[in-house]
Amino acid sequence: MVLAGLMTMTGCAAGVPGNGFFGDGSRADRVVKGVASDWDGPDPDLLNGHPVVGWVSDTEFGVITVGSSSSCPAVAGELQVLGADEVQIEFGLSPHDPCTADMAATTHVFVLPPEVTERPVTVTVQYAEYETEYVLELE
């Protein structure tokens, strides 16, 4: 009985899977379960669930989101360049259902567009379903 309570499932969202890493339509260049091994940024806080940004190579950066540890991480939309030092990414809910109710990190890796030439880079992360926005700095 205790095991059943620990395995409680919650829904993430209804939808049709796309072509992303998890079959969810992600527009990230690659998605890594957990923290990417080459991560150079702040550690994610699994309790507060706020995203963090950091470098994963000289030309790639990552956004770590926190959510279900099953195949239901947040889904990255297309990266938008807002200026020479600013990008924006909107994340949506996974189309998979049901999802586990535990918290884990997922790294969404993006190639930094050539139009982004100045540092630091402001990365705005939006969660449309929750009308939440985080303005983060990639140094």
C-alpha atoms as a PDB file:
ATOM      1  CA  MET A   1       0.000   0.000   0.000  1.00  0.00           C
ATOM      2  CA  VAL A   2       2.809   2.452   0.812  1.00  0.00           C
ATOM      3  CA  LEU A   3       4.415   1.734  -2.563  1.00  0.00           C
ATOM      4  CA  ALA A   4       1.147   2.579  -4.308  1.00  0.00           C
ATOM      5  CA  GLY A   5       1.091   5.933  -2.516  1.00  0.00           C
ATOM      6  CA  LEU A   6       4.649   6.678  -3.610  1.00  0.00           C
ATOM      7  CA  MET A   7       3.856   5.820  -7.208  1.00  0.00           C
ATOM      8  CA  THR A   8       0.997   8.310  -7.452  1.00  0.00           C
ATOM      9  CA  MET A   9       0.692   9.568 -11.008  1.00  0.00           C
ATOM     10  CA  THR A  10      -0.359  13.006 -12.142  1.00  0.00           C
ATOM     11  CA  GLY A  11      -1.371  14.219 -15.587  1.00  0.00           C
ATOM     12  CA  CYS A  12       0.928  16.582 -17.494  1.00  0.00           C
ATOM     13  CA  ALA A  13      -1.229  17.572 -20.455  1.00  0.00           C
ATOM     14  CA  ALA A  14      -3.152  16.115 -23.330  1.00  0.00           C
ATOM     15  CA  GLY A  15      -1.734  16.368 -26.822  1.00  0.00           C
ATOM     16  CA  VAL A  16      -0.208  14.638 -29.797  1.00  0.00           C
ATOM     17  CA  PRO A  17       3.487  13.697 -29.480  1.00  0.00           C
ATOM     18  CA  GLY A  18       5.888  15.319 -31.922  1.00  0.00           C
ATOM     19  CA  ASN A  19       9.448  14.571 -33.021  1.00  0.00           C
ATOM     20  CA  GLY A  20      11.406  15.744 -29.956  1.00  0.00           C
ATOM     21  CA  PHE A  21      13.750  13.613 -27.865  1.00  0.00           C
ATOM     22  CA  PHE A  22      10.844  12.318 -25.806  1.00  0.00           C
ATOM     23  CA  GLY A  23       8.461  12.290 -28.795  1.00  0.00           C
ATOM     24  CA  ASP A  24       7.082  15.574 -27.537  1.00  0.00           C
ATOM     25  CA  GLY A  25       7.983  18.103 -30.260  1.00  0.00           C
ATOM     26  CA  SER A  26      10.856  19.779 -28.394  1.00  0.00           C
ATOM     27  CA  ARG A  27      12.751  22.380 -30.434  1.00  0.00           C
ATOM     28  CA  ALA A  28      15.940  22.076 -28.343  1.00  0.00           C
ATOM     29  CA  ASP A  29      18.988  20.842 -30.256  1.00  0.00           C
ATOM     30  CA  ARG A  30      19.246  18.028 -27.738  1.00  0.00           C
ATOM     31  CA  VAL A  31      17.700  17.060 -24.423  1.00  0.00           C
ATOM     32  CA  VAL A  32      19.547  15.320 -21.586  1.00  0.00           C
ATOM     33  CA  LYS A  33      17.866  13.601 -18.644  1.00  0.00           C
ATOM     34  CA  GLY A  34      19.370  15.150 -15.537  1.00  0.00           C
ATOM     35  CA  VAL A  35      22.218  17.654 -15.619  1.00  0.00           C
ATOM     36  CA  ALA A  36      24.415  17.463 -18.741  1.00  0.00           C
ATOM     37  CA  SER A  37      27.883  16.062 -17.932  1.00  0.00           C
ATOM     38  CA  ASP A  38      29.572  19.136 -19.428  1.00  0.00           C
ATOM     39  CA  TRP A  39      27.359  21.607 -17.530  1.00  0.00           C
ATOM     40  CA  ASP A  40      28.971  24.899 -16.475  1.00  0.00           C
ATOM     41  CA  GLY A  41      26.282  26.765 -14.603  1.00  0.00           C
ATOM     42  CA  PRO A  42      24.404  26.890 -11.312  1.00  0.00           C
ATOM     43  CA  ASP A  43      22.967  23.718  -9.845  1.00  0.00           C
ATOM     44  CA  PRO A  44      19.198  23.409 -10.182  1.00  0.00           C
ATOM     45  CA  ASP A  45      17.124  23.523  -7.004  1.00  0.00           C
ATOM     46  CA  LEU A  46      14.682  20.630  -7.177  1.00  0.00           C
ATOM     47  CA  LEU A  47      12.582  22.153  -4.396  1.00  0.00           C
ATOM     48  CA  ASN A  48      11.868  25.570  -5.899  1.00  0.00           C
ATOM     49  CA  GLY A  49      11.646  24.281  -9.491  1.00  0.00           C
ATOM     50  CA  HIS A  50      13.032  27.442 -11.098  1.00  0.00           C
ATOM     51  CA  PRO A  51      14.974  27.011 -14.345  1.00  0.00           C
ATOM     52  CA  VAL A  52      18.706  27.781 -14.525  1.00  0.00           C
ATOM     53  CA  VAL A  53      20.977  28.510 -17.506  1.00  0.00           C
ATOM     54  CA  GLY A  54      24.609  27.634 -18.161  1.00  0.00           C
ATOM     55  CA  TRP A  55      27.129  26.723 -20.834  1.00  0.00           C
ATOM     56  CA  VAL A  56      27.596  23.149 -22.075  1.00  0.00           C
ATOM     57  CA  SER A  57      30.269  23.969 -24.704  1.00  0.00           C
ATOM     58  CA  ASP A  58      31.815  27.027 -26.363  1.00  0.00           C
ATOM     59  CA  THR A  59      28.833  27.331 -28.724  1.00  0.00           C
ATOM     60  CA  GLU A  60      25.980  25.708 -26.777  1.00  0.00           C
ATOM     61  CA  PHE A  61      24.052  26.675 -23.690  1.00  0.00           C
ATOM     62  CA  GLY A  62      21.486  24.793 -21.680  1.00  0.00           C
ATOM     63  CA  VAL A  63      18.332  25.513 -19.770  1.00  0.00           C
ATOM     64  CA  ILE A  64      17.675  23.123 -16.911  1.00  0.00           C
ATOM     65  CA  THR A  65      14.014  22.704 -16.048  1.00  0.00           C
ATOM     66  CA  VAL A  66      12.622  20.756 -13.112  1.00  0.00           C
ATOM     67  CA  GLY A  67       9.619  18.477 -13.358  1.00  0.00           C
ATOM     68  CA  SER A  68       8.498  14.871 -13.670  1.00  0.00           C
ATOM     69  CA  SER A  69      11.357  12.370 -13.874  1.00  0.00           C
ATOM     70  CA  SER A  70       9.481  10.110 -16.283  1.00  0.00           C
ATOM     71  CA  SER A  71       9.223  10.967 -19.983  1.00  0.00           C
ATOM     72  CA  CYS A  72       7.316  14.181 -19.184  1.00  0.00           C
ATOM     73  CA  PRO A  73       9.793  17.066 -18.940  1.00  0.00           C
ATOM     74  CA  ALA A  74       8.811  20.565 -20.049  1.00  0.00           C
ATOM     75  CA  VAL A  75       8.884  20.946 -23.833  1.00  0.00           C
ATOM     76  CA  ALA A  76      11.071  23.663 -25.339  1.00  0.00           C
ATOM     77  CA  GLY A  77       9.656  25.813 -28.097  1.00  0.00           C
ATOM     78  CA  GLU A  78      11.757  27.530 -30.740  1.00  0.00           C
ATOM     79  CA  LEU A  79      14.543  29.791 -29.518  1.00  0.00           C
ATOM     80  CA  GLN A  80      13.873  33.421 -30.486  1.00  0.00           C
ATOM     81  CA  VAL A  81      16.660  35.992 -30.836  1.00  0.00           C
ATOM     82  CA  LEU A  82      15.562  39.317 -29.340  1.00  0.00           C
ATOM     83  CA  GLY A  83      18.877  41.143 -29.709  1.00  0.00           C
ATOM     84  CA  ALA A  84      22.661  40.787 -29.814  1.00  0.00           C
ATOM     85  CA  ASP A  85      22.600  39.790 -26.132  1.00  0.00           C
ATOM     86  CA  GLU A  86      19.111  38.389 -25.601  1.00  0.00           C
ATOM     87  CA  VAL A  87      17.133  35.232 -26.424  1.00  0.00           C
ATOM     88  CA  GLN A  88      13.756  33.899 -25.366  1.00  0.00           C
ATOM     89  CA  ILE A  89      12.449  30.341 -25.098  1.00  0.00           C
ATOM     90  CA  GLU A  90       8.884  29.364 -24.289  1.00  0.00           C
ATOM     91  CA  PHE A  91       8.331  26.029 -22.588  1.00  0.00           C
ATOM     92  CA  GLY A  92       5.108  24.064 -22.649  1.00  0.00           C
ATOM     93  CA  LEU A  93       3.717  21.038 -20.905  1.00  0.00           C
ATOM     94  CA  SER A  94       4.569  17.541 -22.046  1.00  0.00           C
ATOM     95  CA  PRO A  95       1.897  15.862 -24.174  1.00  0.00           C
ATOM     96  CA  HIS A  96       2.529  12.581 -22.327  1.00  0.00           C
ATOM     97  CA  ASP A  97       0.090  11.431 -19.694  1.00  0.00           C
ATOM     98  CA  PRO A  98       0.305  10.199 -16.990  1.00  0.00           C
ATOM     99  CA  CYS A  99       3.542  11.556 -15.507  1.00  0.00           C
ATOM    100  CA  THR A 100       5.183  10.711 -12.214  1.00  0.00           C
ATOM    101  CA  ALA A 101       4.775  13.206  -9.388  1.00  0.00           C
ATOM    102  CA  ASP A 102       8.469  13.386  -8.478  1.00  0.00           C
ATOM    103  CA  MET A 103      10.939  16.152  -9.325  1.00  0.00           C
ATOM    104  CA  ALA A 104      14.013  15.773 -11.528  1.00  0.00           C
ATOM    105  CA  ALA A 105      16.223  17.977 -13.701  1.00  0.00           C
ATOM    106  CA  THR A 106      16.242  17.976 -17.522  1.00  0.00           C
ATOM    107  CA  THR A 107      18.816  19.869 -19.587  1.00  0.00           C
ATOM    108  CA  HIS A 108      17.580  21.426 -22.842  1.00  0.00           C
ATOM    109  CA  VAL A 109      20.615  22.270 -25.014  1.00  0.00           C
ATOM    110  CA  PHE A 110      20.569  25.008 -27.665  1.00  0.00           C
ATOM    111  CA  VAL A 111      23.223  26.196 -30.118  1.00  0.00           C
ATOM    112  CA  LEU A 112      23.812  29.895 -29.502  1.00  0.00           C
ATOM    113  CA  PRO A 113      22.679  31.679 -32.699  1.00  0.00           C
ATOM    114  CA  PRO A 114      25.425  33.621 -34.535  1.00  0.00           C
ATOM    115  CA  GLU A 115      23.368  36.828 -34.154  1.00  0.00           C
ATOM    116  CA  VAL A 116      24.008  36.686 -30.396  1.00  0.00           C
ATOM    117  CA  THR A 117      27.461  38.264 -30.157  1.00  0.00           C
ATOM    118  CA  GLU A 118      27.483  40.092 -26.814  1.00  0.00           C
ATOM    119  CA  ARG A 119      27.993  38.797 -23.275  1.00  0.00           C
ATOM    120  CA  PRO A 120      26.399  38.305 -20.867  1.00  0.00           C
ATOM    121  CA  VAL A 121      23.351  36.885 -22.639  1.00  0.00           C
ATOM    122  CA  THR A 122      19.912  37.438 -21.150  1.00  0.00           C
ATOM    123  CA  VAL A 123      17.823  34.272 -21.474  1.00  0.00           C
ATOM    124  CA  THR A 124      14.103  34.722 -20.877  1.00  0.00           C
ATOM    125  CA  VAL A 125      12.351  31.462 -20.045  1.00  0.00           C
ATOM    126  CA  GLN A 126       8.571  31.536 -20.267  1.00  0.00           C
ATOM    127  CA  TYR A 127       6.015  28.958 -19.156  1.00  0.00           C
ATOM    128  CA  ALA A 128       2.937  29.955 -21.135  1.00  0.00           C
ATOM    129  CA  GLU A 129       0.499  27.651 -19.338  1.00  0.00           C
ATOM    130  CA  TYR A 130       1.381  29.245 -16.004  1.00  0.00           C
ATOM    131  CA  GLU A 131       1.993  32.802 -17.261  1.00  0.00           C
ATOM    132  CA  THR A 132       5.392  32.606 -15.559  1.00  0.00           C
ATOM    133  CA  GLU A 133       8.587  34.209 -16.835  1.00  0.00           C
ATOM    134  CA  TYR A 134      12.188  33.950 -15.605  1.00  0.00           C
ATOM    135  CA  VAL A 135      14.856  36.378 -16.785  1.00  0.00           C
ATOM    136  CA  LEU A 136      18.227  34.643 -16.400  1.00  0.00           C
ATOM    137  CA  GLU A 137      21.776  35.669 -17.182  1.00  0.00           C
ATOM    138  CA  LEU A 138      24.206  33.489 -19.138  1.00  0.00           C
ATOM    139  CA  GLU A 139      27.699  34.754 -18.378  1.00  0.00           C
END
